[in-house]
Structure formats: structure tokens, C-alpha cells
Protein backbone atom coordinates (compact mmCIF):
# COMPACT_ATOMS: atom_id res chain seq x y z
CA MET A 1 34.94 -25.94 -1.45
CA ASN A 2 34.96 -29.46 -2.55
CA ILE A 3 32.88 -30.88 -5.51
CA ARG A 4 30.09 -32.49 -3.53
CA ARG A 5 29.24 -29.07 -1.69
CA GLY A 6 29.69 -27.12 -4.72
CA PHE A 7 27.15 -29.52 -6.49
CA LEU A 8 24.74 -29.28 -3.45
CA LEU A 9 24.90 -25.49 -3.42
CA GLY A 10 24.25 -25.28 -7.28
CA LEU A 11 21.22 -27.86 -6.78
CA ILE A 12 20.01 -25.26 -3.95
CA VAL A 13 20.26 -22.26 -6.09
CA LEU A 14 18.67 -24.05 -9.03
CA LEU A 15 15.69 -25.09 -7.02
CA LEU A 16 15.38 -21.84 -5.41
CA ALA A 17 15.07 -20.36 -8.95
CA VAL A 18 12.66 -22.66 -10.15
CA SER A 19 10.36 -22.20 -7.09
CA PHE A 20 10.45 -18.43 -7.28
CA ALA A 21 9.52 -18.81 -10.95
CA MET A 22 6.52 -20.73 -9.91
CA ILE A 23 5.51 -18.35 -7.14
CA GLN A 24 6.32 -14.95 -9.28
CA PRO A 25 2.88 -14.90 -10.89
CA PHE A 26 1.12 -14.82 -7.42
CA LEU A 27 3.91 -12.97 -5.53
CA GLN A 28 1.69 -10.38 -4.75
CA TYR A 29 -0.70 -12.51 -3.04
CA VAL A 30 1.95 -14.67 -1.13
CA MET A 31 3.64 -11.25 0.13
CA LEU A 32 0.08 -10.19 1.18
CA ALA A 33 -0.22 -13.62 3.01
CA LEU A 34 3.12 -13.11 4.87
CA LEU A 35 1.97 -9.59 6.07
CA LEU A 36 -1.46 -10.55 7.23
CA ALA A 37 0.42 -13.52 9.11
CA PHE A 38 2.81 -11.23 10.59
CA VAL A 39 0.00 -9.12 11.87
CA LEU A 40 -2.32 -11.78 13.04
CA TYR A 41 -0.03 -14.12 14.67
CA PRO A 42 -0.09 -12.49 18.25
CA LEU A 43 -3.74 -13.22 18.05
CA GLN A 44 -3.04 -16.49 16.85
CA ARG A 45 -0.76 -17.35 19.89
CA ARG A 46 -3.63 -15.97 22.27
CA LEU A 47 -6.28 -18.07 20.56
CA GLU A 48 -4.21 -21.28 20.74
CA SER A 49 -4.43 -21.48 24.52
CA ARG A 50 -8.30 -22.07 24.18
CA LEU A 51 -8.33 -23.75 20.47
CA SER A 52 -6.47 -26.10 18.39
CA GLU A 53 -3.94 -24.57 16.12
CA GLY A 54 -6.27 -25.26 12.79
CA ILE A 55 -9.34 -23.83 14.38
CA ALA A 56 -7.58 -20.86 15.69
CA ALA A 57 -6.32 -20.04 12.15
CA LEU A 58 -9.54 -20.64 10.70
CA VAL A 59 -11.24 -18.52 13.18
CA LEU A 60 -8.49 -15.83 12.47
CA ILE A 61 -9.06 -16.12 8.72
CA VAL A 62 -12.80 -15.79 8.80
CA GLY A 63 -12.49 -12.84 11.39
CA ALA A 64 -9.74 -11.07 8.82
CA VAL A 65 -12.39 -11.65 5.81
CA ILE A 66 -14.99 -10.01 7.92
CA ALA A 67 -12.99 -7.23 9.19
CA PHE A 68 -10.60 -6.56 6.09
CA PHE A 69 -11.76 -7.88 2.90
CA VAL A 70 -15.43 -7.42 3.08
CA PRO A 71 -14.96 -3.50 3.95
CA PHE A 72 -12.10 -3.72 1.19
CA VAL A 73 -14.54 -4.81 -1.38
CA VAL A 74 -17.36 -2.35 -0.52
CA ILE A 75 -15.13 0.51 -0.44
CA GLY A 76 -13.50 -0.76 -3.83
CA ALA A 77 -16.69 -0.97 -5.34
CA THR A 78 -17.75 2.43 -4.32
CA VAL A 79 -14.12 3.83 -5.58
CA ALA A 80 -14.68 2.02 -8.79
CA GLY A 81 -18.14 3.46 -9.23
CA ASP A 82 -17.02 6.86 -8.37
CA ALA A 83 -14.06 6.34 -10.87
CA MET A 84 -16.48 5.28 -13.79
CA ALA A 85 -18.86 8.11 -13.03
CA LEU A 86 -15.79 10.61 -13.54
CA ALA A 87 -14.63 8.92 -16.57
CA GLN A 88 -18.26 8.92 -18.16
CA GLN A 89 -18.54 12.59 -17.00
CA LEU A 90 -15.20 13.26 -18.58
CA GLN A 91 -15.98 11.30 -21.75
CA ASN A 92 -19.57 13.18 -22.23
CA GLY A 93 -17.72 16.51 -21.79
CA GLY A 94 -19.59 17.29 -18.88
CA PHE A 95 -17.06 19.65 -17.06
CA SER A 96 -19.14 22.25 -15.67
CA GLY A 97 -18.74 20.68 -12.30
CA PHE A 98 -15.11 20.46 -12.21
CA GLY A 99 -14.21 24.12 -12.68
CA VAL A 100 -12.71 23.76 -16.19
CA SER A 101 -14.02 26.97 -17.42
CA GLN A 102 -12.52 28.82 -14.44
CA VAL A 103 -9.10 27.17 -15.19
CA GLU A 104 -9.31 28.30 -18.63
CA ALA A 105 -10.34 31.95 -17.66
CA LEU A 106 -7.50 32.05 -15.32
CA ILE A 107 -4.86 30.65 -18.08
CA GLN A 108 -6.05 33.06 -20.50
CA GLN A 109 -6.04 36.08 -17.94
CA TYR A 110 -2.57 35.60 -16.49
CA ALA A 111 -0.87 33.82 -19.44
CA GLY A 112 -2.57 35.34 -22.54
CA VAL A 113 -3.40 31.83 -24.02
CA GLN A 114 -6.66 30.57 -24.99
CA ILE A 115 -6.98 26.79 -24.50
CA ASP A 116 -9.89 24.37 -24.79
CA LEU A 117 -9.33 22.08 -21.69
CA ALA A 118 -12.90 20.53 -22.11
CA SER A 119 -12.21 19.38 -25.54
CA ARG A 120 -8.87 17.74 -24.79
CA LEU A 121 -9.87 16.08 -21.45
CA SER A 122 -12.64 14.78 -23.31
CA GLY A 123 -10.50 13.26 -26.13
CA TYR A 124 -8.54 11.59 -23.54
CA ALA A 125 -11.36 10.33 -21.62
CA GLN A 126 -12.74 8.92 -25.14
CA SER A 127 -9.56 7.41 -26.18
CA ALA A 128 -9.22 5.61 -22.35
CA ALA A 129 -12.83 4.31 -22.69
CA ARG A 130 -11.96 2.72 -26.03
CA THR A 131 -8.72 1.24 -24.79
CA LEU A 132 -10.94 -0.11 -21.77
CA ALA A 133 -13.57 -1.58 -24.13
CA GLY A 134 -11.14 -3.50 -26.15
CA GLY A 135 -9.70 -5.08 -23.14
CA VAL A 136 -12.75 -7.03 -22.14
CA PRO A 137 -11.25 -10.55 -22.94
CA GLY A 138 -8.16 -9.58 -20.75
CA ALA A 139 -10.33 -8.45 -17.83
CA VAL A 140 -11.99 -12.05 -17.81
CA SER A 141 -8.36 -13.53 -17.56
CA ALA A 142 -7.45 -11.08 -15.03
CA LEU A 143 -10.66 -12.01 -13.04
CA THR A 144 -9.59 -15.70 -13.13
CA HIS A 145 -6.15 -14.76 -12.00
CA VAL A 146 -7.50 -12.79 -9.08
CA LEU A 147 -9.63 -15.54 -7.90
CA VAL A 148 -6.79 -18.10 -8.15
CA GLY A 149 -4.61 -15.66 -6.27
CA LEU A 150 -7.14 -15.11 -3.42
CA GLY A 151 -7.58 -18.85 -2.91
CA LEU A 152 -3.75 -19.36 -2.56
CA LEU A 153 -3.57 -16.43 -0.40
CA VAL A 154 -6.29 -18.12 2.10
CA PHE A 155 -4.24 -21.34 1.78
CA VAL A 156 -0.96 -19.84 2.62
CA LEU A 157 -2.32 -17.52 5.56
CA PHE A 158 -3.99 -20.66 7.14
CA PHE A 159 -0.78 -22.61 7.36
CA LEU A 160 1.45 -19.77 8.15
CA LEU A 161 -0.74 -19.02 11.08
CA LYS A 162 -1.08 -22.81 12.04
CA ASP A 163 2.37 -23.76 11.33
CA GLY A 164 4.21 -20.64 12.02
CA GLU A 165 6.02 -21.43 15.12
CA LYS A 166 7.50 -24.68 13.24
CA LEU A 167 8.53 -22.61 10.49
CA TYR A 168 10.38 -20.14 12.59
CA ARG A 169 12.17 -22.72 14.37
CA TRP A 170 13.16 -24.32 11.13
CA VAL A 171 14.47 -21.10 9.73
CA ARG A 172 16.58 -20.56 12.82
CA THR A 173 17.91 -23.86 12.40
CA VAL A 174 18.71 -23.75 8.81
CA THR A 175 20.54 -20.05 8.98
CA PRO A 176 24.24 -20.70 9.58
CA LEU A 177 24.50 -17.74 12.26
CA PRO A 178 25.16 -17.99 16.02
CA GLU A 179 22.16 -17.88 18.24
CA THR A 180 22.96 -14.53 19.66
CA VAL A 181 23.06 -12.85 16.16
CA GLN A 182 19.83 -14.35 15.15
CA ASP A 183 18.45 -13.14 18.30
CA ASP A 184 19.39 -9.46 17.41
CA LEU A 185 18.48 -9.99 13.68
CA TYR A 186 15.05 -11.03 14.25
CA THR A 187 14.15 -8.79 16.96
CA SER A 188 15.23 -5.89 14.78
CA LEU A 189 13.40 -7.27 11.63
CA ASN A 190 10.32 -7.44 13.96
CA ASP A 191 10.51 -3.78 14.90
CA ILE A 192 11.35 -2.47 11.41
CA THR A 193 8.19 -4.41 10.15
CA TRP A 194 5.90 -2.82 13.02
CA ALA A 195 7.42 0.44 12.12
CA VAL A 196 6.49 0.14 8.62
CA LEU A 197 3.18 -1.12 9.13
CA LEU A 198 2.09 1.19 11.69
CA GLY A 199 3.93 4.52 11.03
CA HIS A 200 3.75 4.08 7.41
CA VAL A 201 0.45 2.52 6.49
CA LEU A 202 -1.86 3.15 9.38
CA VAL A 203 -0.64 6.81 9.26
CA ALA A 204 -1.40 7.11 5.55
CA THR A 205 -4.69 5.41 6.00
CA VAL A 206 -5.64 8.05 8.83
CA GLN A 207 -4.27 10.92 6.93
CA GLY A 208 -6.10 9.92 3.55
CA GLY A 209 -9.31 9.41 5.55
CA ILE A 210 -9.25 12.84 7.38
CA ALA A 211 -8.40 14.62 4.18
CA GLY A 212 -11.46 12.63 2.52
CA LEU A 213 -13.59 13.69 5.07
CA GLY A 214 -12.80 17.47 4.33
CA LEU A 215 -13.70 16.81 0.65
CA ILE A 216 -16.96 15.21 1.74
CA VAL A 217 -17.92 18.07 3.86
CA THR A 218 -17.06 20.80 1.34
CA GLY A 219 -18.98 18.98 -1.41
CA ILE A 220 -16.24 17.90 -3.71
CA PRO A 221 -17.53 15.32 -6.60
CA ASN A 222 -16.62 11.68 -6.36
CA ALA A 223 -14.82 12.28 -2.80
CA VAL A 224 -14.79 8.58 -2.27
CA PHE A 225 -12.37 8.10 -5.27
CA TRP A 226 -10.37 10.89 -4.39
CA THR A 227 -10.08 9.63 -0.66
CA PHE A 228 -8.77 6.53 -1.97
CA ILE A 229 -6.12 8.32 -4.10
CA MET A 230 -4.96 10.30 -1.18
CA ILE A 231 -4.55 7.29 0.96
CA VAL A 232 -2.22 5.73 -1.68
CA LEU A 233 -0.32 9.40 -2.24
CA SER A 234 -0.08 9.46 1.55
CA LEU A 235 2.07 6.20 1.75
CA ILE A 236 4.85 8.40 0.08
CA PRO A 237 6.37 10.89 2.64
CA ILE A 238 6.68 14.52 1.84
CA VAL A 239 4.33 14.18 -1.10
CA GLY A 240 1.02 13.10 0.84
CA SER A 241 -2.53 14.04 0.27
CA ILE A 242 -2.01 17.64 -0.58
CA LEU A 243 -1.76 16.93 -4.23
CA ILE A 244 -5.47 16.21 -4.16
CA TRP A 245 -6.86 18.49 -1.47
CA GLY A 246 -4.90 21.28 -2.59
CA PRO A 247 -6.37 21.43 -6.11
CA ALA A 248 -9.83 20.84 -4.71
CA ALA A 249 -9.47 24.05 -2.41
CA ILE A 250 -8.39 25.99 -5.67
CA TYR A 251 -11.29 24.57 -7.63
CA LEU A 252 -13.83 25.46 -4.72
CA VAL A 253 -12.43 29.16 -4.72
CA THR A 254 -12.52 29.52 -8.50
CA SER A 255 -16.00 28.13 -8.53
CA GLY A 256 -17.12 30.94 -6.25
CA ARG A 257 -17.18 28.90 -2.92
CA THR A 258 -14.61 30.86 -1.27
CA VAL A 259 -15.66 29.91 2.25
CA ALA A 260 -15.59 26.11 1.54
CA GLY A 261 -12.21 26.46 -0.27
CA ALA A 262 -10.60 28.41 2.67
CA ALA A 263 -12.13 25.81 5.35
CA LEU A 264 -10.63 23.12 3.20
CA ILE A 265 -7.07 24.76 3.32
CA VAL A 266 -7.18 25.36 6.91
CA TRP A 267 -8.49 21.73 7.44
CA GLY A 268 -5.58 20.39 5.25
CA MET A 269 -3.04 22.61 6.53
CA ILE A 270 -3.88 22.13 10.35
CA VAL A 271 -5.97 18.85 10.87
CA VAL A 272 -4.40 16.81 8.14
CA ASN A 273 -0.69 17.74 8.38
CA ALA A 274 -1.01 17.05 12.24
CA THR A 275 -1.47 13.36 11.70
CA ASP A 276 1.86 13.15 9.72
CA ASP A 277 3.66 15.64 12.12
CA PHE A 278 2.46 13.84 15.32
CA LEU A 279 1.54 10.20 14.64
CA ARG A 280 4.33 9.15 12.41
CA PRO A 281 7.23 10.17 14.62
CA ILE A 282 5.43 8.66 17.48
CA LEU A 283 4.76 5.31 15.92
CA VAL A 284 7.88 5.01 13.92
CA ASP A 285 10.13 5.85 16.91
CA ARG A 286 8.29 3.54 19.28
CA HIS A 287 9.41 0.49 17.08
CA ALA A 288 12.47 1.57 14.83
CA ASN A 289 14.41 4.57 13.98
CA LEU A 290 13.31 4.80 10.28
CA ASN A 291 14.55 7.95 8.23
CA PRO A 292 11.97 9.20 5.71
CA SER A 293 14.53 8.61 3.02
CA VAL A 294 14.19 4.77 3.74
CA ILE A 295 10.50 5.08 3.21
CA ILE A 296 10.55 6.96 -0.06
CA VAL A 297 13.37 4.73 -1.56
CA GLY A 298 11.47 1.83 -0.54
CA VAL A 299 8.18 2.76 -1.58
CA ILE A 300 9.19 3.95 -5.25
CA GLY A 301 11.57 1.18 -5.73
CA GLY A 302 9.33 -1.37 -4.35
CA VAL A 303 6.42 -0.35 -6.62
CA TYR A 304 8.85 -0.51 -9.72
CA LEU A 305 10.29 -3.79 -8.52
CA ILE A 306 7.25 -5.76 -7.36
CA GLY A 307 4.27 -3.96 -8.10
CA PHE A 308 1.34 -2.66 -5.77
CA MET A 309 2.68 -4.55 -2.74
CA GLY A 310 5.91 -2.83 -3.03
CA LEU A 311 4.06 0.18 -1.14
CA PHE A 312 4.39 -2.01 1.78
CA ILE A 313 7.11 -4.61 1.19
CA GLY A 314 9.64 -2.12 -0.23
CA PRO A 315 10.28 -0.04 2.81
CA ILE A 316 10.48 -3.33 4.94
CA LEU A 317 13.23 -4.73 2.49
CA VAL A 318 15.15 -1.27 2.85
CA GLY A 319 14.78 -1.34 6.30
CA ALA A 320 15.96 -4.80 6.58
CA LEU A 321 19.09 -4.01 4.55
CA LYS A 322 19.76 -1.30 7.27
CA VAL A 323 19.31 -3.82 10.13
CA VAL A 324 21.61 -6.55 8.65
CA LEU A 325 24.28 -3.86 8.14
CA GLU A 326 24.11 -2.73 11.59
CA ILE A 327 24.12 -6.53 12.71
CA PHE A 328 27.15 -7.30 10.86
CA ASP A 329 28.80 -4.18 12.11
CA GLU A 330 28.00 -5.15 15.74
CA HIS A 331 28.90 -8.97 15.48
CA TYR A 332 31.67 -8.83 13.12
CA GLU A 333 34.21 -10.41 15.15
CA ALA A 334 31.84 -13.38 16.30
CA LEU A 335 31.04 -14.25 12.70
């Protein structure tokens, strides 16, 4: 490698590092824009047959706001309200509705240990409330950051939809790989991404929602909040929503509502588990052969590395590694 080529490569690395440092504070929003653009691009192509590229992108963004963000804000506000009500109830020591006395009785009966769970939980809740109260200035700063991030998300999404085809052609041009290798690579990456979005995110949403319906019908307090938690937990294979509806069923039984508790157990074991047992293999196998271990590693590692968006991006990145290794093995002689 001569000096000129080495200097140019060093300059590229430097500019990449600086560019990433500028994007990093809003990385979550840029990643969300990329995912939304990937999902919406087939619709963009259809609309472009009737509208201009810019108008089609604008129509899709308005539709996405109505279809995704408005319900998300409404659900988020409901979840936040449930969470605040739950925290307030815990802070005030109002634990009678949560079966704490029954749990204390069971612990004393089988372990021979007398423990005051209500007092301990109240102490934890009061400590959390004081921490939140002291973080008001930080909350204002965080809100500003969110508003700027959402503006950046809309801006990036618009141009990804409008100029997505040009960007794709440019990436293919600057990628130093043969055309046949790029064809296989991008096709496999497309399959992996759809497998994660459909077989991972969609199934988790359906599973958590069905489990939440069981909580609502059986009268579990703050059911919307717990439904949101179950959707997040369902993003992790094997773990799933049983961590919430299982204790909820126990709570119903210990509270004297045996029929409701038994019904929730049957609902969870048969109906909720069926979504994972049947939907996930159908959707994942349709697009890519992804082992559950890939999802688990991607979810946990992704959250630690890049935060909340790691729930979705992490499995895609690990799946992309699998694809690249397979492409390298298949086309080794041609490289």
C-alpha cells in the first residue's frame, strides 16, 4: 500500500469516526428512521407510480405518524399513568390490592420467617419518588433532546424514502465486491431483517397483547402497564410474558379468586404460548433460518451496546454476521 492510498484510507477512518461522534447522541432516532424506511419503502415504490418521490414520502410520513406514533403516544400516556398510579399506591403503602398480605402469610407459613413486605416496598417507592422529584431539571433537558431527535427522525426518514433507490445504488457502487456477491449479500440481509421484524417484534407484540387481554378480563390492577412490560419481555425468546401473567395468576389464587387465577393460567399456557409456538416458526422460517440463540444474544447485547433500539437492531446485527460469514464461505474463491 503506497503513501497516498494509506493517507486516503486514514482520512476516511477519521471522517467516519467524527461523523459517528456527531450522530451518536441521536443514534436511536437514526436507527428508528432506518427501520421505518425499510418497512415503508415497498409502499413508497407503489406510491411513486402515481405521485412524485417527495409527495409520496410526505404522504407515508403523515400516514406513519397517524398509524404508529399517535397510538404509541396514547398507549404510552396510558402506561405512564398506570405506572404513576402504581408508584403512588406503593408509596402510600396501599398494598391491599396487590396480595402482599397473602404473600407474607405464605412466607411465614412455609419458611417460618415473618417479614413486613409492605413497609419495605413503601420505603423503596418513597426513595424512587424522591429520586424522580430531584430530577426535574434533567427531565426538561431530556424532553428537549427527544423533540430534537424526533425532528431528526422525520427529516432522515423523508430523505431515505425519497432518495432510497439512489442511496442503494451508491452503496453498491462504492462497495468493493463483485455484483454476484452483493446480490446474495443484500438479499440475505433483507431476509434477516424481515425475519427479525416479523418473527421477533410482531410476534412479541401479539403475544404481549393477548396476555394483557387475560389480565384485563381477570381484573388485574394496572393491566395496561403490565401489558407493555409483557410485550418488552416477549422480545426475549424463552423468557416471555410468563414472568408477568404467572405471578398475576398466583396473586389471584392467593387473593381468593381461584377461578380467575386458574382461567389466567389456562389462557397463558394454551393461548399465549400458542402465539410463540406457531407464529414465530412460520414467520421466521418464511424469511430466514434464525436460531433463537441469535435473537437472545442480539437482544441482550444490543440493549447493552446501543440502548432501547438494541431490542430490534441487535438481532439484525448478529444475523448480519451470520449472513456475511456464509457469503464469505460461499464466494471465497471469487473474492
